[in-house]
């Protein structure tokens, strides 16, 4: 029986640790140095309230600006289209009666406009409506 000697064969191992360290450093560099796009928002001057309570911003957001523009989740719409949008909106497993709607109205928006929006929302089957304000400091 002949035994083979392992002296003649050369085996090499590649250490992956330095390469993994460099890859993680590159990932961190690009994450930190990336500039994030600032999306344009709807500019509002919300009314001030002393007794405002924080709520989650889940569900539907309806925005009324001072110049008469109306938005449904940042999508510009008209008052006539609001009822259709609310009716067609998919609330998932939640009933419409329990689905939250946040109403953001500029402080210059008239009370009549806000009452009209409340009527459209309630006629569409929703009843949980939160008025958005800023807290007084």
N, C-alpha and C. Protein backbone atom coordinates (compact mmCIF):
# COMPACT_ATOMS: atom_id res chain seq x y z
N UNK A 1 0.84 -1.14 0.00
CA UNK A 1 0.00 0.00 0.00
C UNK A 1 0.91 1.23 0.00
N UNK A 2 0.62 2.12 -0.84
CA UNK A 2 1.45 3.29 -1.01
C UNK A 2 0.75 4.51 -0.44
N UNK A 3 1.41 5.26 0.40
CA UNK A 3 0.84 6.46 0.99
C UNK A 3 1.28 7.67 0.19
N UNK A 4 0.37 8.57 0.04
CA UNK A 4 0.68 9.79 -0.71
C UNK A 4 1.07 10.90 0.24
N UNK A 5 2.00 11.63 -0.15
CA UNK A 5 2.45 12.75 0.64
C UNK A 5 1.72 14.01 0.17
N UNK A 6 1.29 14.83 1.12
CA UNK A 6 0.56 16.04 0.77
C UNK A 6 1.50 17.22 0.62
N UNK A 7 2.81 16.98 0.70
CA UNK A 7 3.76 18.06 0.56
C UNK A 7 3.80 18.63 -0.85
N UNK A 8 3.55 17.87 -1.80
CA UNK A 8 3.67 18.28 -3.19
C UNK A 8 2.49 19.11 -3.67
N UNK A 9 1.31 18.94 -3.11
CA UNK A 9 0.14 19.70 -3.57
C UNK A 9 0.03 21.02 -2.80
N UNK A 10 -0.29 22.07 -3.53
CA UNK A 10 -0.42 23.39 -2.92
C UNK A 10 -1.91 23.72 -2.82
N UNK A 11 -2.34 24.07 -1.63
CA UNK A 11 -3.72 24.49 -1.42
C UNK A 11 -3.71 25.91 -0.91
N UNK A 12 -4.62 26.70 -1.45
CA UNK A 12 -4.69 28.08 -0.98
C UNK A 12 -6.13 28.42 -0.60
N UNK A 13 -6.26 29.26 0.39
CA UNK A 13 -7.57 29.72 0.83
C UNK A 13 -7.63 31.23 0.64
N UNK A 14 -8.78 31.70 0.19
CA UNK A 14 -8.97 33.13 0.02
C UNK A 14 -9.76 33.63 1.23
N UNK A 15 -9.17 34.58 1.93
CA UNK A 15 -9.84 35.15 3.10
C UNK A 15 -10.80 36.24 2.62
N UNK A 16 -12.09 36.03 2.86
CA UNK A 16 -13.13 36.95 2.37
C UNK A 16 -13.41 38.10 3.33
N UNK A 17 -12.88 38.08 4.50
CA UNK A 17 -13.18 39.11 5.51
C UNK A 17 -12.82 40.52 5.05
N UNK A 18 -11.64 40.77 4.52
CA UNK A 18 -11.33 42.13 4.07
C UNK A 18 -12.27 42.62 2.96
N UNK A 19 -12.63 41.73 2.05
CA UNK A 19 -13.52 42.13 0.97
C UNK A 19 -14.91 42.49 1.52
N UNK A 20 -15.41 41.72 2.46
CA UNK A 20 -16.71 42.00 3.08
C UNK A 20 -16.67 43.33 3.83
N UNK A 21 -15.57 43.61 4.52
CA UNK A 21 -15.42 44.89 5.22
C UNK A 21 -15.50 46.06 4.24
N UNK A 22 -14.81 45.95 3.12
CA UNK A 22 -14.81 47.02 2.12
C UNK A 22 -16.21 47.21 1.54
N UNK A 23 -16.91 46.13 1.25
CA UNK A 23 -18.27 46.22 0.69
C UNK A 23 -19.20 46.90 1.68
N UNK A 24 -19.14 46.56 2.95
CA UNK A 24 -19.98 47.21 3.95
C UNK A 24 -19.64 48.70 4.08
N UNK A 25 -18.37 49.04 4.01
CA UNK A 25 -17.98 50.45 4.07
C UNK A 25 -18.51 51.22 2.87
N UNK A 26 -18.47 50.61 1.70
CA UNK A 26 -19.02 51.27 0.51
C UNK A 26 -20.52 51.46 0.63
N UNK A 27 -21.21 50.45 1.13
CA UNK A 27 -22.67 50.57 1.31
C UNK A 27 -22.99 51.69 2.28
N UNK A 28 -22.28 51.74 3.40
CA UNK A 28 -22.50 52.81 4.37
C UNK A 28 -22.18 54.18 3.79
N UNK A 29 -21.11 54.28 3.02
CA UNK A 29 -20.76 55.55 2.39
C UNK A 29 -21.88 56.04 1.48
N UNK A 30 -22.40 55.16 0.64
CA UNK A 30 -23.46 55.58 -0.30
C UNK A 30 -24.77 55.87 0.43
N UNK A 31 -25.07 55.16 1.49
CA UNK A 31 -26.28 55.45 2.24
C UNK A 31 -26.22 56.82 2.91
N UNK A 32 -25.07 57.14 3.48
CA UNK A 32 -24.92 58.41 4.18
C UNK A 32 -24.82 59.58 3.21
N UNK A 33 -24.17 59.38 2.08
CA UNK A 33 -23.94 60.49 1.17
C UNK A 33 -25.06 60.72 0.16
N UNK A 34 -26.04 59.85 0.13
CA UNK A 34 -27.15 60.02 -0.80
C UNK A 34 -28.03 61.17 -0.37
N UNK A 35 -28.39 62.02 -1.31
CA UNK A 35 -29.33 63.09 -1.00
C UNK A 35 -30.73 62.59 -1.30
N UNK A 36 -31.63 62.88 -0.41
CA UNK A 36 -32.99 62.42 -0.56
C UNK A 36 -33.80 63.47 -1.29
N UNK A 37 -34.67 63.04 -2.17
CA UNK A 37 -35.51 63.97 -2.92
C UNK A 37 -36.56 64.56 -2.00
N UNK A 38 -36.68 65.86 -2.03
CA UNK A 38 -37.70 66.52 -1.24
C UNK A 38 -38.91 66.68 -2.13
N UNK A 39 -39.97 65.99 -1.76
CA UNK A 39 -41.18 66.03 -2.56
C UNK A 39 -41.98 67.28 -2.24
N UNK A 40 -42.55 67.89 -3.26
CA UNK A 40 -43.35 69.08 -2.97
C UNK A 40 -44.61 68.69 -2.22
N UNK A 41 -44.94 69.47 -1.21
CA UNK A 41 -46.13 69.19 -0.42
C UNK A 41 -47.16 70.28 -0.62
N UNK A 42 -48.28 70.10 -0.01
CA UNK A 42 -49.34 71.08 -0.07
C UNK A 42 -49.11 72.06 1.07
N UNK A 43 -48.96 73.33 0.75
CA UNK A 43 -48.68 74.35 1.75
C UNK A 43 -49.98 74.82 2.39
N UNK A 44 -50.08 74.65 3.71
CA UNK A 44 -51.26 75.07 4.45
C UNK A 44 -50.86 75.85 5.68
N UNK A 45 -51.72 76.73 6.08
CA UNK A 45 -51.59 77.44 7.34
C UNK A 45 -52.71 76.90 8.23
N UNK A 46 -52.42 75.80 8.93
CA UNK A 46 -53.45 75.13 9.73
C UNK A 46 -53.86 75.99 10.91
N UNK A 47 -55.12 75.88 11.34
CA UNK A 47 -55.56 76.63 12.52
C UNK A 47 -54.83 76.15 13.77
N UNK A 48 -54.73 77.04 14.75
CA UNK A 48 -54.04 76.74 16.00
C UNK A 48 -55.06 76.30 17.04
N UNK A 49 -54.71 75.27 17.83
CA UNK A 49 -55.60 74.75 18.85
C UNK A 49 -54.82 74.49 20.13
N UNK A 50 -55.40 74.84 21.28
CA UNK A 50 -54.77 74.56 22.57
C UNK A 50 -54.99 73.12 23.00
N UNK A 51 -56.11 72.53 22.61
CA UNK A 51 -56.50 71.20 23.09
C UNK A 51 -56.32 70.12 22.03
N UNK A 52 -55.49 70.36 21.02
CA UNK A 52 -55.30 69.38 19.95
C UNK A 52 -54.63 68.12 20.49
N UNK A 53 -55.07 66.97 19.99
CA UNK A 53 -54.48 65.69 20.36
C UNK A 53 -53.89 65.05 19.12
N UNK A 54 -52.80 64.37 19.28
CA UNK A 54 -52.16 63.70 18.16
C UNK A 54 -52.92 62.45 17.75
N UNK A 55 -53.02 62.23 16.44
CA UNK A 55 -53.64 61.02 15.91
C UNK A 55 -52.73 60.46 14.84
N UNK A 56 -52.93 59.20 14.51
CA UNK A 56 -52.14 58.60 13.44
C UNK A 56 -52.66 59.11 12.10
N UNK A 57 -51.76 59.17 11.13
CA UNK A 57 -52.13 59.68 9.82
C UNK A 57 -52.34 58.50 8.88
N UNK A 58 -53.25 57.65 9.25
CA UNK A 58 -53.60 56.51 8.41
C UNK A 58 -54.95 56.79 7.79
N UNK A 59 -55.21 56.20 6.68
CA UNK A 59 -56.50 56.38 6.04
C UNK A 59 -56.45 57.39 4.93
N UNK A 60 -57.50 58.18 4.82
CA UNK A 60 -57.66 59.16 3.75
C UNK A 60 -57.35 60.55 4.30
N UNK A 61 -56.67 61.36 3.50
CA UNK A 61 -56.44 62.75 3.85
C UNK A 61 -57.07 63.64 2.79
N UNK A 62 -57.97 64.50 3.23
CA UNK A 62 -58.60 65.47 2.33
C UNK A 62 -58.08 66.84 2.73
N UNK A 63 -57.55 67.59 1.76
CA UNK A 63 -56.93 68.87 2.03
C UNK A 63 -57.67 69.96 1.27
N UNK A 64 -58.01 71.04 1.98
CA UNK A 64 -58.63 72.21 1.37
C UNK A 64 -57.70 73.39 1.59
N UNK A 65 -57.21 73.99 0.50
CA UNK A 65 -56.28 75.11 0.63
C UNK A 65 -57.04 76.43 0.59
N UNK A 66 -56.34 77.50 0.93
CA UNK A 66 -56.96 78.83 1.02
C UNK A 66 -57.43 79.34 -0.34
N UNK A 67 -56.77 78.91 -1.42
CA UNK A 67 -57.15 79.39 -2.75
C UNK A 67 -58.22 78.52 -3.41
N UNK A 68 -58.86 77.64 -2.65
CA UNK A 68 -59.98 76.85 -3.16
C UNK A 68 -59.62 75.51 -3.75
N UNK A 69 -58.35 75.13 -3.73
CA UNK A 69 -57.95 73.83 -4.26
C UNK A 69 -58.32 72.73 -3.27
N UNK A 70 -58.68 71.57 -3.80
CA UNK A 70 -59.07 70.43 -2.98
C UNK A 70 -58.22 69.24 -3.41
N UNK A 71 -57.71 68.49 -2.42
CA UNK A 71 -56.84 67.35 -2.69
C UNK A 71 -57.37 66.12 -1.98
N UNK A 72 -57.30 64.98 -2.65
CA UNK A 72 -57.65 63.68 -2.08
C UNK A 72 -56.36 62.87 -2.05
N UNK A 73 -55.75 62.73 -0.87
CA UNK A 73 -54.44 62.06 -0.74
C UNK A 73 -53.43 62.65 -1.72
N UNK A 74 -53.29 63.97 -1.74
CA UNK A 74 -52.36 64.71 -2.58
C UNK A 74 -52.69 64.67 -4.07
N UNK A 75 -53.88 64.17 -4.43
CA UNK A 75 -54.34 64.17 -5.82
C UNK A 75 -55.34 65.31 -5.96
N UNK A 76 -55.08 66.27 -6.86
CA UNK A 76 -56.02 67.38 -7.01
C UNK A 76 -57.37 66.89 -7.57
N UNK A 77 -58.44 67.31 -6.92
CA UNK A 77 -59.79 66.95 -7.37
C UNK A 77 -60.71 68.16 -7.19
N UNK A 78 -61.93 68.00 -7.69
CA UNK A 78 -62.95 69.02 -7.47
C UNK A 78 -63.92 68.52 -6.42
N UNK A 79 -64.78 69.40 -5.97
CA UNK A 79 -65.78 69.01 -4.96
C UNK A 79 -66.71 67.94 -5.52
N UNK A 80 -67.05 68.04 -6.81
CA UNK A 80 -67.94 67.05 -7.43
C UNK A 80 -67.28 65.67 -7.51
N UNK A 81 -65.95 65.62 -7.70
CA UNK A 81 -65.25 64.34 -7.82
C UNK A 81 -64.99 63.70 -6.46
N UNK A 82 -65.09 64.46 -5.37
CA UNK A 82 -64.77 63.94 -4.04
C UNK A 82 -65.67 62.78 -3.65
N UNK A 83 -66.96 62.91 -3.90
CA UNK A 83 -67.90 61.84 -3.57
C UNK A 83 -67.57 60.55 -4.31
N UNK A 84 -67.23 60.67 -5.59
CA UNK A 84 -66.86 59.49 -6.38
C UNK A 84 -65.59 58.85 -5.86
N UNK A 85 -64.59 59.67 -5.54
CA UNK A 85 -63.32 59.14 -5.00
C UNK A 85 -63.54 58.41 -3.68
N UNK A 86 -64.37 58.98 -2.81
CA UNK A 86 -64.64 58.35 -1.52
C UNK A 86 -65.39 57.04 -1.69
N UNK A 87 -66.33 57.01 -2.63
CA UNK A 87 -67.11 55.80 -2.86
C UNK A 87 -66.24 54.68 -3.43
N UNK A 88 -65.32 55.03 -4.34
CA UNK A 88 -64.48 54.02 -5.00
C UNK A 88 -63.26 53.61 -4.19
N UNK A 89 -62.95 54.34 -3.10
CA UNK A 89 -61.75 54.04 -2.32
C UNK A 89 -61.90 52.69 -1.62
N UNK A 90 -60.85 51.85 -1.73
CA UNK A 90 -60.85 50.53 -1.11
C UNK A 90 -60.34 50.64 0.32
N UNK A 91 -61.20 50.35 1.29
CA UNK A 91 -60.82 50.44 2.70
C UNK A 91 -60.29 49.11 3.24
N UNK A 92 -60.14 48.12 2.40
CA UNK A 92 -59.64 46.83 2.85
C UNK A 92 -60.67 46.10 3.69
N UNK A 93 -60.23 45.57 4.82
CA UNK A 93 -61.12 44.83 5.71
C UNK A 93 -61.91 45.75 6.64
N UNK A 94 -61.54 47.02 6.71
CA UNK A 94 -62.19 47.96 7.62
C UNK A 94 -63.48 48.48 6.99
N UNK A 95 -64.52 48.58 7.81
CA UNK A 95 -65.79 49.13 7.33
C UNK A 95 -65.61 50.63 7.11
N UNK A 96 -66.39 51.19 6.17
CA UNK A 96 -66.31 52.62 5.90
C UNK A 96 -66.64 53.44 7.13
N UNK A 97 -67.57 52.96 7.95
CA UNK A 97 -67.99 53.69 9.14
C UNK A 97 -66.83 53.85 10.12
N UNK A 98 -65.89 52.90 10.14
CA UNK A 98 -64.77 52.92 11.07
C UNK A 98 -63.47 53.42 10.45
N UNK A 99 -63.46 53.68 9.14
CA UNK A 99 -62.24 54.08 8.44
C UNK A 99 -61.97 55.56 8.69
N UNK A 100 -60.75 55.93 9.15
CA UNK A 100 -60.48 57.33 9.50
C UNK A 100 -60.20 58.22 8.29
N UNK A 101 -60.72 59.44 8.36
CA UNK A 101 -60.46 60.46 7.36
C UNK A 101 -59.91 61.68 8.08
N UNK A 102 -58.77 62.19 7.62
CA UNK A 102 -58.20 63.41 8.16
C UNK A 102 -58.55 64.57 7.24
N UNK A 103 -59.15 65.60 7.79
CA UNK A 103 -59.51 66.78 7.03
C UNK A 103 -58.56 67.90 7.40
N UNK A 104 -57.76 68.34 6.42
CA UNK A 104 -56.82 69.43 6.62
C UNK A 104 -57.38 70.64 5.88
N UNK A 105 -57.69 71.69 6.60
CA UNK A 105 -58.20 72.90 5.97
C UNK A 105 -57.37 74.09 6.42
N UNK A 106 -56.98 74.92 5.48
CA UNK A 106 -56.25 76.14 5.80
C UNK A 106 -57.10 77.00 6.71
N UNK A 107 -56.46 77.83 7.53
CA UNK A 107 -57.21 78.65 8.47
C UNK A 107 -58.07 79.70 7.75
N UNK A 108 -57.80 79.96 6.47
CA UNK A 108 -58.58 80.92 5.69
C UNK A 108 -59.80 80.29 5.00
N UNK A 109 -59.93 78.97 5.04
CA UNK A 109 -61.06 78.29 4.42
C UNK A 109 -62.31 78.60 5.23
N UNK A 110 -63.40 78.89 4.53
CA UNK A 110 -64.63 79.28 5.21
C UNK A 110 -65.29 78.09 5.89
N UNK A 111 -66.08 78.40 6.89
CA UNK A 111 -66.81 77.38 7.61
C UNK A 111 -67.78 76.65 6.69
N UNK A 112 -68.36 77.35 5.75
CA UNK A 112 -69.30 76.73 4.81
C UNK A 112 -68.63 75.66 3.96
N UNK A 113 -67.39 75.91 3.57
CA UNK A 113 -66.65 74.91 2.78
C UNK A 113 -66.39 73.66 3.61
N UNK A 114 -66.00 73.85 4.87
CA UNK A 114 -65.72 72.71 5.74
C UNK A 114 -67.00 71.90 6.00
N UNK A 115 -68.10 72.58 6.23
CA UNK A 115 -69.38 71.88 6.45
C UNK A 115 -69.78 71.13 5.19
N UNK A 116 -69.55 71.71 4.02
CA UNK A 116 -69.85 71.01 2.76
C UNK A 116 -69.01 69.76 2.60
N UNK A 117 -67.74 69.83 2.98
CA UNK A 117 -66.88 68.64 2.91
C UNK A 117 -67.35 67.58 3.90
N UNK A 118 -67.75 68.00 5.11
CA UNK A 118 -68.29 67.05 6.08
C UNK A 118 -69.51 66.33 5.51
N UNK A 119 -70.40 67.08 4.85
CA UNK A 119 -71.60 66.46 4.27
C UNK A 119 -71.25 65.43 3.21
N UNK A 120 -70.30 65.77 2.33
CA UNK A 120 -69.89 64.83 1.27
C UNK A 120 -69.29 63.58 1.88
N UNK A 121 -68.46 63.74 2.92
CA UNK A 121 -67.81 62.60 3.56
C UNK A 121 -68.86 61.70 4.22
N UNK A 122 -69.79 62.29 4.95
CA UNK A 122 -70.82 61.49 5.64
C UNK A 122 -71.77 60.83 4.66
N UNK A 123 -72.12 61.50 3.55
CA UNK A 123 -72.99 60.89 2.55
C UNK A 123 -72.32 59.71 1.87
N UNK A 124 -70.99 59.68 1.86
CA UNK A 124 -70.25 58.57 1.25
C UNK A 124 -70.12 57.38 2.19
N UNK A 125 -70.61 57.50 3.43
CA UNK A 125 -70.61 56.37 4.36
C UNK A 125 -69.53 56.41 5.43
N UNK A 126 -68.71 57.44 5.47
CA UNK A 126 -67.65 57.54 6.46
C UNK A 126 -68.15 58.37 7.64
N UNK A 127 -67.68 58.02 8.85
CA UNK A 127 -68.11 58.81 10.01
C UNK A 127 -66.96 59.20 10.95
N UNK A 128 -65.78 58.62 10.78
CA UNK A 128 -64.64 58.97 11.62
C UNK A 128 -63.85 60.05 10.88
N UNK A 129 -64.02 61.31 11.33
CA UNK A 129 -63.36 62.44 10.67
C UNK A 129 -62.52 63.18 11.70
N UNK A 130 -61.25 63.36 11.40
CA UNK A 130 -60.33 64.10 12.27
C UNK A 130 -59.98 65.42 11.61
N UNK A 131 -60.13 66.52 12.34
CA UNK A 131 -59.71 67.83 11.84
C UNK A 131 -58.26 68.06 12.24
N UNK A 132 -57.44 68.40 11.29
CA UNK A 132 -56.03 68.59 11.55
C UNK A 132 -55.75 70.04 11.93
N UNK A 133 -55.01 70.24 13.01
CA UNK A 133 -54.62 71.58 13.48
C UNK A 133 -53.16 71.56 13.90
N UNK A 134 -52.65 72.72 14.24
CA UNK A 134 -51.33 72.79 14.84
C UNK A 134 -51.51 73.14 16.31
N UNK A 135 -50.59 72.67 17.13
CA UNK A 135 -50.72 72.93 18.57
C UNK A 135 -50.16 74.31 18.89
N UNK A 136 -50.78 74.97 19.86
CA UNK A 136 -50.34 76.29 20.30
C UNK A 136 -49.16 76.12 21.24
N UNK A 137 -48.13 76.88 21.03
CA UNK A 137 -46.92 76.74 21.85
C UNK A 137 -46.83 77.83 22.86
